[in-house]
């Protein structure tokens, strides 16, 4: 039986999953990689280590498929988006540790650009904001302070580009492909999202030479084929789909109609709403991003580009990790749900997990994590429940802003990601939004979206309608709480956000 393999290169680990025609996982493998924190507020990865772990998971999955007699039709890639990687085209070796999306070292540079009046240009062209979250100031830092000379052999890419390069040969002499898709490119602060091309004006603004940038291509289409040196999968397998992790999850959740909305509860949480094929004007507090670009089913040779509003929440699962690793309140992340459910409410305790600032809709890089409302009776369960509630409150912040901006009332939220396994979280979320929250049977929607994009390009799936038919409901939770009580809890959260704001003055 033929399958499509998705490579999901996340923030803390990499996964390879093989999906069958029904969108079900056939086999998978996962490996974590090292997180580097060289200074407060700095987060780095070793791109070589990421590639080694990708080879390991691919080899593991390929061996299992070979035993089962299954063939690989295509490979799709999804990734952590804004993380910046630079490497030498001749050797395929990284020239510096990758600077991760969570990294805050360029917050002051973003402030300088904002104070100099460049924000309107950035907003109008990219749909983004001037924030250290995105790639451009990271890349500029590598060239100005990171010791990387932007010579003719230097290549830049987000993690998808790095993996594509290595999968297709690893060096220029081997014919490696230096490309990315529109969804990842739209997260760099360098792409004109209407023209779907690199902006010379923004490259000049950030000091990025155009020759280091990858070619921008549609999300679904053959990027290249695997080189003979790739471990496990062998040579000649098409790499035919690429999308940033959150756009891939929107695709994997089959949110193909305007107004359809999903939230992925991962290390951070990312709410995306499909807003159709016309790029909307920038909206305060939200990002406008390219969701994907695929072949138009009704017009041969034509492409359809779908846009999305996005709310980027920097810390949700990271707050659970803090309970585990920082405070020792839980031993495993899975314990947070039962512990939080052991009490009926947090009794006024509010946790604002602004460990690296606040994302949408606040965009405050100087906010810091805070805990409010502690009394002598506060215990482990109260903190655990307040962390779970914070996931739901931050999502409501974003969904309220999206509904107001788009004119689309969110009538249901599709949920995925690790924390969506918590029924308590889904219930609190439904109570806060006042709409049903639905969790699909297949939870690996990020990887599934990448597989769908690759499979579409190779004819494994014929259309988005066929893909939508694969979406199967696992659990749908209806709102149950008293509306006044839900709003009172949310008001208390908003007071906590106000107090946590602008806490740090230097971005560390």
Protein backbone atom coordinates (compact mmCIF):
# COMPACT_ATOMS: atom_id res chain seq x y z
CA UNK A 1 0.00 0.00 0.00
CA UNK A 2 1.42 3.44 -0.89
CA UNK A 3 1.95 6.07 1.83
CA UNK A 4 3.17 9.64 2.20
CA UNK A 5 5.80 10.50 4.82
CA UNK A 6 5.64 13.80 6.67
CA UNK A 7 8.68 15.23 8.41
CA UNK A 8 7.55 17.42 11.29
CA UNK A 9 10.54 19.44 12.54
CA UNK A 10 9.25 21.07 15.71
CA UNK A 11 10.83 23.23 18.39
CA UNK A 12 11.97 20.44 20.71
CA UNK A 13 12.08 17.39 18.44
CA UNK A 14 11.52 15.88 15.01
CA UNK A 15 8.98 13.31 13.95
CA UNK A 16 8.43 11.28 10.80
CA UNK A 17 4.93 9.88 10.21
CA UNK A 18 3.68 7.77 7.34
CA UNK A 19 0.05 8.38 6.39
CA UNK A 20 -2.21 6.18 4.27
CA UNK A 21 -4.85 7.35 1.82
CA UNK A 22 -7.44 7.69 4.59
CA UNK A 23 -5.20 10.11 6.50
CA UNK A 24 -4.42 7.59 9.23
CA UNK A 25 -0.96 7.17 10.70
CA UNK A 26 0.69 3.90 9.63
CA UNK A 27 3.94 4.22 11.57
CA UNK A 28 6.01 6.99 13.14
CA UNK A 29 9.26 7.77 14.94
CA UNK A 30 10.29 10.69 17.15
CA UNK A 31 13.58 12.10 18.44
CA UNK A 32 14.26 15.09 20.65
CA UNK A 33 17.17 17.45 20.09
CA UNK A 34 19.12 19.82 22.32
CA UNK A 35 17.91 23.26 23.35
CA UNK A 36 20.72 25.80 23.78
CA UNK A 37 20.30 28.88 26.00
CA UNK A 38 23.61 30.79 25.73
CA UNK A 39 22.23 33.92 27.46
CA UNK A 40 18.96 34.98 29.10
CA UNK A 41 16.39 35.44 26.34
CA UNK A 42 18.52 33.64 23.73
CA UNK A 43 17.42 30.27 22.28
CA UNK A 44 19.45 28.31 19.72
CA UNK A 45 19.47 24.93 17.97
CA UNK A 46 22.23 22.98 16.26
CA UNK A 47 20.97 22.55 12.69
CA UNK A 48 23.34 19.61 12.14
CA UNK A 49 21.80 17.81 15.10
CA UNK A 50 18.31 18.44 13.68
CA UNK A 51 19.38 16.90 10.37
CA UNK A 52 20.92 13.87 12.10
CA UNK A 53 17.71 13.27 14.03
CA UNK A 54 15.64 13.66 10.85
CA UNK A 55 17.76 10.99 9.20
CA UNK A 56 17.24 8.74 12.22
CA UNK A 57 13.43 9.03 12.23
CA UNK A 58 13.26 8.64 8.45
CA UNK A 59 15.37 5.49 8.61
CA UNK A 60 13.22 4.06 11.40
CA UNK A 61 9.97 4.71 9.54
CA UNK A 62 11.38 3.52 6.20
CA UNK A 63 12.53 0.25 7.76
CA UNK A 64 9.08 -0.39 9.19
CA UNK A 65 7.43 0.41 5.86
CA UNK A 66 9.82 -1.90 4.05
CA UNK A 67 8.90 -4.75 6.40
CA UNK A 68 5.22 -4.11 5.69
CA UNK A 69 5.80 -3.96 1.94
CA UNK A 70 4.57 -0.37 1.66
CA UNK A 71 5.97 2.17 -0.80
CA UNK A 72 6.59 5.88 -0.28
CA UNK A 73 4.87 8.13 -2.82
CA UNK A 74 6.18 11.46 -1.55
CA UNK A 75 7.64 13.37 1.40
CA UNK A 76 6.19 16.54 2.93
CA UNK A 77 7.98 18.88 5.32
CA UNK A 78 6.54 21.06 8.05
CA UNK A 79 8.63 23.06 10.46
CA UNK A 80 8.91 25.58 13.29
CA UNK A 81 8.86 28.49 10.81
CA UNK A 82 10.71 31.64 11.94
CA UNK A 83 13.91 29.93 13.13
CA UNK A 84 16.89 31.19 11.09
CA UNK A 85 19.54 28.83 9.68
CA UNK A 86 22.60 29.85 7.64
CA UNK A 87 24.93 27.41 5.92
CA UNK A 88 27.70 27.10 3.33
CA UNK A 89 26.43 25.92 -0.05
CA UNK A 90 29.75 24.23 -0.84
CA UNK A 91 29.97 22.06 2.27
CA UNK A 92 26.39 22.02 3.59
CA UNK A 93 27.70 22.96 7.02
CA UNK A 94 25.88 25.46 9.24
CA UNK A 95 27.80 28.67 9.87
CA UNK A 96 26.21 29.38 13.26
CA UNK A 97 23.70 27.80 15.59
CA UNK A 98 20.16 28.34 14.33
CA UNK A 99 18.43 31.23 16.10
CA UNK A 100 15.04 29.98 17.27
CA UNK A 101 11.69 31.74 16.92
CA UNK A 102 11.54 32.14 20.71
CA UNK A 103 14.80 34.09 20.79
CA UNK A 104 14.57 37.73 21.98
CA UNK A 105 18.08 39.03 21.27
CA UNK A 106 16.89 41.43 18.56
CA UNK A 107 14.04 43.03 20.52
CA UNK A 108 15.90 46.32 20.82
CA UNK A 109 16.64 46.38 17.10
CA UNK A 110 12.93 45.95 16.43
CA UNK A 111 12.27 48.89 18.75
CA UNK A 112 14.76 51.01 16.81
CA UNK A 113 13.10 50.21 13.50
CA UNK A 114 9.68 50.94 14.95
CA UNK A 115 10.86 54.26 16.41
CA UNK A 116 12.35 55.16 13.03
CA UNK A 117 8.88 54.87 11.47
CA UNK A 118 9.26 51.61 9.53
CA UNK A 119 6.32 49.72 11.05
CA UNK A 120 3.70 50.89 8.49
CA UNK A 121 5.84 49.59 5.60
CA UNK A 122 6.40 46.28 7.36
CA UNK A 123 2.71 45.86 8.24
CA UNK A 124 1.52 46.79 4.76
CA UNK A 125 4.00 44.54 2.94
CA UNK A 126 4.32 41.49 5.17
CA UNK A 127 1.19 41.44 7.35
CA UNK A 128 3.48 41.02 10.36
CA UNK A 129 4.76 43.26 13.13
CA UNK A 130 8.26 44.39 14.06
CA UNK A 131 9.09 41.72 16.59
CA UNK A 132 12.13 39.57 17.36
CA UNK A 133 9.90 36.53 16.78
CA UNK A 134 10.43 36.75 13.01
CA UNK A 135 13.48 35.85 10.93
CA UNK A 136 14.77 39.07 9.37
CA UNK A 137 16.36 40.67 12.43
CA UNK A 138 17.80 37.29 13.43
CA UNK A 139 19.46 37.01 10.03
CA UNK A 140 20.70 40.60 10.20
CA UNK A 141 22.19 39.88 13.64
CA UNK A 142 24.07 36.87 12.24
CA UNK A 143 25.63 39.15 9.61
CA UNK A 144 26.41 42.07 11.94
CA UNK A 145 27.20 40.43 15.29
CA UNK A 146 27.18 36.68 14.72
CA UNK A 147 30.39 36.49 12.73
CA UNK A 148 28.79 35.30 9.48
CA UNK A 149 30.05 36.98 6.31
CA UNK A 150 27.23 37.10 3.71
CA UNK A 151 29.41 35.91 0.83
CA UNK A 152 28.20 34.28 -2.39
CA UNK A 153 28.23 30.77 -0.88
CA UNK A 154 26.06 31.64 2.13
CA UNK A 155 22.51 30.31 2.14
CA UNK A 156 19.73 31.27 4.52
CA UNK A 157 16.54 29.41 5.19
CA UNK A 158 14.01 28.50 7.78
CA UNK A 159 14.20 24.87 8.94
CA UNK A 160 12.18 23.61 5.96
CA UNK A 161 14.76 25.05 3.54
CA UNK A 162 17.61 23.51 5.51
CA UNK A 163 16.00 20.06 5.46
CA UNK A 164 15.10 20.35 1.76
CA UNK A 165 18.72 21.25 1.00
CA UNK A 166 20.02 18.24 2.91
CA UNK A 167 17.41 15.82 1.54
CA UNK A 168 18.25 16.77 -2.03
CA UNK A 169 22.02 16.42 -1.76
CA UNK A 170 23.43 18.73 0.89
CA UNK A 171 25.85 20.62 -1.35
CA UNK A 172 25.65 22.77 -4.45
CA UNK A 173 27.77 20.24 -6.38
CA UNK A 174 25.24 17.51 -5.57
CA UNK A 175 22.41 19.63 -6.96
CA UNK A 176 20.79 20.45 -3.62
CA UNK A 177 17.63 22.56 -3.88
CA UNK A 178 17.55 25.93 -2.11
CA UNK A 179 13.86 26.78 -1.85
CA UNK A 180 11.01 27.39 0.56
CA UNK A 181 7.25 27.69 0.28
CA UNK A 182 5.13 30.81 0.52
CA UNK A 183 3.84 30.03 4.02
CA UNK A 184 7.32 29.88 5.55
CA UNK A 185 8.56 32.81 3.47
CA UNK A 186 5.66 34.90 4.76
CA UNK A 187 7.10 34.60 8.30
CA UNK A 188 10.48 36.19 7.58
CA UNK A 189 9.53 39.93 7.45
CA UNK A 190 11.04 39.90 3.94
CA UNK A 191 8.17 38.69 1.73
CA UNK A 192 5.59 40.83 -0.02
CA UNK A 193 2.59 38.64 0.74
CA UNK A 194 0.50 40.08 -2.10
CA UNK A 195 3.17 39.55 -4.78
CA UNK A 196 4.46 36.38 -3.05
CA UNK A 197 8.02 37.52 -3.76
CA UNK A 198 10.95 38.83 -1.75
CA UNK A 199 10.71 42.59 -1.21
CA UNK A 200 13.86 44.49 -2.29
CA UNK A 201 12.81 47.39 -0.06
CA UNK A 202 12.62 45.17 3.03
CA UNK A 203 15.85 43.37 2.18
CA UNK A 204 17.52 46.78 2.11
CA UNK A 205 15.86 47.82 5.37
CA UNK A 206 17.08 44.74 7.25
CA UNK A 207 20.45 44.51 5.51
CA UNK A 208 19.80 41.13 3.91
CA UNK A 209 21.43 40.48 0.50
CA UNK A 210 19.00 38.84 -1.91
CA UNK A 211 21.47 36.14 -2.98
CA UNK A 212 21.24 34.36 0.40
CA UNK A 213 17.46 33.86 0.14
CA UNK A 214 15.78 30.67 -1.09
CA UNK A 215 13.49 30.48 -4.11
CA UNK A 216 9.84 30.93 -3.10
CA UNK A 217 7.49 28.24 -4.43
CA UNK A 218 3.89 27.08 -3.89
CA UNK A 219 3.22 24.87 -0.87
CA UNK A 220 2.19 21.89 -3.00
CA UNK A 221 4.43 20.90 -5.88
CA UNK A 222 7.59 18.94 -6.50
CA UNK A 223 10.54 20.74 -4.89
CA UNK A 224 13.07 18.01 -5.71
CA UNK A 225 13.85 14.35 -5.06
CA UNK A 226 15.85 12.69 -2.34
CA UNK A 227 19.53 12.20 -3.01
CA UNK A 228 21.23 8.80 -2.77
CA UNK A 229 23.11 9.88 0.36
CA UNK A 230 19.93 10.27 2.43
CA UNK A 231 19.72 7.54 5.06
CA UNK A 232 16.74 5.25 5.14
CA UNK A 233 14.38 6.36 2.41
CA UNK A 234 16.73 5.96 -0.55
CA UNK A 235 17.04 8.06 -3.68
CA UNK A 236 14.46 9.52 -6.04
CA UNK A 237 11.50 10.05 -3.69
CA UNK A 238 9.71 13.34 -4.47
CA UNK A 239 9.73 16.07 -1.83
CA UNK A 240 6.46 17.66 -2.87
CA UNK A 241 4.91 19.60 -0.02
CA UNK A 242 6.18 22.23 2.42
CA UNK A 243 4.32 24.42 4.89
CA UNK A 244 5.01 26.13 8.18
CA UNK A 245 3.72 24.13 11.10
CA UNK A 246 0.67 26.25 11.88
CA UNK A 247 -0.42 26.63 8.27
CA UNK A 248 0.06 22.88 7.84
CA UNK A 249 -2.17 22.28 10.86
CA UNK A 250 -4.86 24.52 9.35
CA UNK A 251 -4.65 22.44 6.17
CA UNK A 252 -4.59 19.18 8.11
CA UNK A 253 -7.70 20.27 10.00
CA UNK A 254 -9.42 20.73 6.61
CA UNK A 255 -10.19 24.39 7.33
CA UNK A 256 -10.73 25.12 3.67
CA UNK A 257 -13.60 27.63 3.93
CA UNK A 258 -13.29 31.28 5.08
CA UNK A 259 -14.07 31.62 8.77
CA UNK A 260 -12.96 28.11 9.70
CA UNK A 261 -10.58 28.34 12.65
CA UNK A 262 -8.17 26.03 14.45
CA UNK A 263 -5.91 26.24 17.49
CA UNK A 264 -2.80 24.12 17.95
CA UNK A 265 -1.87 23.79 21.61
CA UNK A 266 1.84 23.08 21.47
CA UNK A 267 4.90 24.68 23.07
CA UNK A 268 3.04 27.85 22.18
CA UNK A 269 -0.47 28.06 20.82
CA UNK A 270 -1.35 29.31 17.38
CA UNK A 271 -4.85 30.28 16.34
CA UNK A 272 -5.40 30.54 12.58
CA UNK A 273 -8.53 31.59 10.72
CA UNK A 274 -8.95 31.01 6.99
CA UNK A 275 -9.85 34.41 5.49
CA UNK A 276 -10.00 33.40 1.83
CA UNK A 277 -8.03 34.18 -1.30
CA UNK A 278 -7.83 37.96 -0.94
CA UNK A 279 -5.13 39.41 1.25
CA UNK A 280 -6.85 41.48 3.97
CA UNK A 281 -5.57 44.76 5.34
CA UNK A 282 -3.42 44.57 8.50
CA UNK A 283 -5.32 44.41 11.79
CA UNK A 284 -4.00 45.67 15.11
CA UNK A 285 -2.84 42.82 17.33
CA UNK A 286 -3.07 40.10 14.67
CA UNK A 287 -0.80 38.76 11.96
CA UNK A 288 -1.80 38.31 8.35
CA UNK A 289 -0.05 35.33 6.83
CA UNK A 290 -0.13 33.18 3.72
CA UNK A 291 -1.76 29.90 4.66
CA UNK A 292 -0.84 28.00 1.48
CA UNK A 293 -0.66 28.20 -2.28
CA UNK A 294 -1.90 25.20 -4.28
CA UNK A 295 -3.08 24.36 -7.78
CA UNK A 296 -6.55 25.66 -8.58
CA UNK A 297 -8.81 22.67 -9.18
CA UNK A 298 -10.95 24.63 -11.65
CA UNK A 299 -8.21 26.33 -13.69
CA UNK A 300 -5.39 24.23 -15.10
CA UNK A 301 -1.99 25.73 -14.46
CA UNK A 302 -3.36 28.37 -12.08
CA UNK A 303 -2.61 28.72 -8.37
CA UNK A 304 -4.89 29.69 -5.52
CA UNK A 305 -3.33 31.44 -2.54
CA UNK A 306 -5.21 31.28 0.74
CA UNK A 307 -4.59 33.83 3.48
CA UNK A 308 -5.12 33.57 7.22
CA UNK A 309 -5.31 35.70 10.30
CA UNK A 310 -3.04 34.37 12.99
CA UNK A 311 -2.72 34.88 16.70
CA UNK A 312 0.66 33.70 18.00
CA UNK A 313 0.66 32.76 21.70
CA UNK A 314 4.21 32.18 22.86
CA UNK A 315 3.78 29.93 25.90
CA UNK A 316 1.13 27.31 26.62
CA UNK A 317 2.80 23.90 26.69
CA UNK A 318 5.94 25.75 27.79
CA UNK A 319 4.04 26.73 30.94
CA UNK A 320 3.35 23.07 31.66
CA UNK A 321 7.06 22.36 31.18
CA UNK A 322 7.76 25.14 33.70
CA UNK A 323 5.50 23.45 36.25
CA UNK A 324 7.42 20.23 35.66
CA UNK A 325 11.02 21.39 35.27
CA UNK A 326 11.05 24.75 37.03
CA UNK A 327 8.81 24.16 40.04
CA UNK A 328 8.70 20.37 40.28
CA UNK A 329 4.93 20.46 40.78
CA UNK A 330 4.43 17.57 38.36
CA UNK A 331 6.75 14.79 37.20
CA UNK A 332 5.28 14.39 33.72
CA UNK A 333 3.37 16.82 31.50
CA UNK A 334 0.42 14.40 31.38
CA UNK A 335 -0.17 14.93 35.12
CA UNK A 336 -1.24 18.56 34.70
CA UNK A 337 -4.76 17.74 33.49
CA UNK A 338 -5.77 15.43 36.38
CA UNK A 339 -4.14 17.77 38.91
CA UNK A 340 -5.96 20.81 37.50
CA UNK A 341 -9.25 18.88 37.42
CA UNK A 342 -8.91 17.91 41.08
CA UNK A 343 -10.31 21.31 42.11
CA UNK A 344 -13.37 23.15 40.71
CA UNK A 345 -11.55 26.46 40.03
CA UNK A 346 -8.27 28.26 40.65
CA UNK A 347 -9.76 30.34 43.51
CA UNK A 348 -8.55 33.59 41.98
CA UNK A 349 -5.01 32.48 41.08
CA UNK A 350 -3.91 33.79 37.66
CA UNK A 351 -0.74 32.70 35.83
CA UNK A 352 0.40 34.90 32.94
CA UNK A 353 3.04 32.74 31.18
CA UNK A 354 4.88 35.60 29.46
CA UNK A 355 8.26 33.89 29.75
CA UNK A 356 9.49 35.43 26.47
CA UNK A 357 7.02 38.30 26.29
CA UNK A 358 3.43 38.30 25.08
CA UNK A 359 2.41 37.63 21.49
CA UNK A 360 -1.00 38.31 19.94
CA UNK A 361 -2.88 40.50 20.45
CA UNK A 362 -0.55 42.37 22.84
CA UNK A 363 2.87 42.13 21.16
CA UNK A 364 4.76 43.11 24.30
CA UNK A 365 8.31 41.69 24.23
CA UNK A 366 8.97 43.14 27.67
CA UNK A 367 6.13 41.41 29.52
CA UNK A 368 7.30 38.64 31.84
CA UNK A 369 5.75 35.62 33.47
CA UNK A 370 3.71 36.48 36.55
CA UNK A 371 1.54 34.80 39.16
CA UNK A 372 -1.25 36.70 40.90
CA UNK A 373 -3.81 35.96 43.58
CA UNK A 374 -1.79 33.61 45.77
CA UNK A 375 -3.06 33.11 49.33
CA UNK A 376 -1.87 30.89 52.17
CA UNK A 377 -4.28 28.25 50.90
CA UNK A 378 -2.84 28.15 47.36
CA UNK A 379 -1.41 24.76 46.42
CA UNK A 380 -0.10 22.73 43.50
CA UNK A 381 -3.53 22.17 42.01
CA UNK A 382 -4.35 25.89 41.93
CA UNK A 383 -1.20 26.67 39.96
CA UNK A 384 -1.85 23.76 37.59
CA UNK A 385 -5.42 24.86 36.96
CA UNK A 386 -4.36 28.48 36.47
CA UNK A 387 -1.87 27.35 33.80
CA UNK A 388 -4.59 25.38 31.97
CA UNK A 389 -6.96 28.34 32.25
CA UNK A 390 -4.26 30.62 30.81
CA UNK A 391 -4.23 28.52 27.64
CA UNK A 392 -7.95 29.14 27.19
CA UNK A 393 -7.80 32.82 28.15
CA UNK A 394 -4.99 33.56 25.67
CA UNK A 395 -6.97 31.82 22.94
CA UNK A 396 -10.03 33.93 23.73
CA UNK A 397 -7.85 37.07 23.49
CA UNK A 398 -6.99 36.08 19.92
CA UNK A 399 -10.37 34.73 18.76
CA UNK A 400 -12.19 37.86 19.93
CA UNK A 401 -9.75 40.01 17.95
CA UNK A 402 -10.11 37.80 14.85
CA UNK A 403 -13.88 37.85 14.86
CA UNK A 404 -13.91 41.64 15.15
CA UNK A 405 -11.38 42.06 12.34
CA UNK A 406 -12.65 39.53 9.82
CA UNK A 407 -16.39 39.89 10.16
CA UNK A 408 -16.51 36.09 10.50
CA UNK A 409 -18.04 34.93 13.76
CA UNK A 410 -16.23 31.84 14.98
CA UNK A 411 -18.96 29.22 15.30
CA UNK A 412 -16.64 26.35 16.25
CA UNK A 413 -12.97 25.86 17.05
CA UNK A 414 -10.99 22.86 15.82
CA UNK A 415 -8.33 21.91 18.37
CA UNK A 416 -5.15 19.88 18.05
CA UNK A 417 -1.72 19.60 19.60
CA UNK A 418 -0.58 17.82 22.73
CA UNK A 419 -2.60 19.78 25.29
CA UNK A 420 -5.85 19.25 23.37
CA UNK A 421 -5.87 15.74 24.84
CA UNK A 422 -7.06 17.42 28.08
CA UNK A 423 -10.85 17.33 28.16
CA UNK A 424 -10.70 19.95 30.94
CA UNK A 425 -8.92 22.39 28.63
CA UNK A 426 -11.48 21.85 25.88
CA UNK A 427 -14.30 22.49 28.34
CA UNK A 428 -12.75 25.69 29.70
CA UNK A 429 -12.08 26.79 26.12
CA UNK A 430 -15.67 26.16 25.03
CA UNK A 431 -16.93 28.03 28.10
CA UNK A 432 -14.70 31.01 27.35
CA UNK A 433 -15.54 31.21 23.65
CA UNK A 434 -19.18 30.25 23.97
CA UNK A 435 -18.87 27.89 20.98
CA UNK A 436 -18.19 24.15 20.55
CA UNK A 437 -14.58 22.97 20.53
CA UNK A 438 -13.89 19.91 18.36
CA UNK A 439 -10.94 17.54 18.54
CA UNK A 440 -10.35 15.23 15.55
CA UNK A 441 -9.39 11.58 15.73
CA UNK A 442 -6.03 12.29 14.08
CA UNK A 443 -4.17 14.63 16.41
CA UNK A 444 -0.99 14.96 14.35
CA UNK A 445 -2.64 17.53 12.11
CA UNK A 446 0.57 19.48 11.50
CA UNK A 447 2.28 16.46 9.97
CA UNK A 448 -0.95 15.43 8.27
CA UNK A 449 -1.21 18.81 6.55
CA UNK A 450 2.31 18.47 5.16
CA UNK A 451 1.48 14.96 3.94
CA UNK A 452 -1.71 16.20 2.26
CA UNK A 453 0.18 18.97 0.44
CA UNK A 454 2.80 16.51 -0.80
CA UNK A 455 0.21 13.90 -1.76
CA UNK A 456 -1.89 16.42 -3.68
CA UNK A 457 1.12 17.32 -5.82
CA UNK A 458 1.71 13.67 -6.71
CA UNK A 459 -1.95 12.75 -7.27
CA UNK A 460 -2.21 10.60 -4.15
CA UNK A 461 -5.18 12.76 -3.15
CA UNK A 462 -7.22 14.33 -5.92
CA UNK A 463 -8.69 17.40 -4.25
CA UNK A 464 -9.34 19.29 -1.03
CA UNK A 465 -12.83 17.81 -1.01
CA UNK A 466 -11.34 14.32 -0.81
CA UNK A 467 -9.07 15.46 2.02
CA UNK A 468 -11.96 17.09 3.92
CA UNK A 469 -13.81 13.76 3.83
CA UNK A 470 -10.94 12.24 5.84
CA UNK A 471 -11.56 14.57 8.81
CA UNK A 472 -13.23 12.54 11.59
CA UNK A 473 -14.47 13.93 14.90
CA UNK A 474 -13.18 12.44 18.14
CA UNK A 475 -14.71 14.73 20.79
CA UNK A 476 -16.85 17.86 20.60
CA UNK A 477 -17.33 19.86 23.80
CA UNK A 478 -20.23 22.29 24.18
CA UNK A 479 -20.16 25.37 26.43
CA UNK A 480 -21.51 24.54 29.89
CA UNK A 481 -20.44 27.29 32.31
CA UNK A 482 -22.51 30.25 33.39
CA UNK A 483 -21.69 33.12 31.00
CA UNK A 484 -21.27 35.68 33.78
CA UNK A 485 -18.87 33.43 35.68
CA UNK A 486 -16.81 32.77 32.54
CA UNK A 487 -16.59 36.49 31.80
CA UNK A 488 -15.59 37.30 35.40
CA UNK A 489 -12.72 34.81 35.21
CA UNK A 490 -11.65 36.34 31.92
CA UNK A 491 -11.74 39.86 33.36
CA UNK A 492 -9.45 38.69 36.16
CA UNK A 493 -7.06 37.32 33.52
CA UNK A 494 -7.03 40.66 31.69
CA UNK A 495 -6.08 42.43 34.92
CA UNK A 496 -3.18 40.03 35.29
CA UNK A 497 -2.01 40.72 31.73
CA UNK A 498 -2.02 44.47 32.42
CA UNK A 499 0.20 44.00 35.46
CA UNK A 500 2.63 41.63 33.71
CA UNK A 501 3.11 44.02 30.79
CA UNK A 502 6.34 45.97 30.17
CA UNK A 503 8.03 44.32 33.15
CA UNK A 504 11.49 44.00 31.58
CA UNK A 505 13.23 47.04 30.16
CA UNK A 506 16.06 45.37 28.21
CA UNK A 507 14.41 42.38 26.54
CA UNK A 508 16.09 39.78 28.80
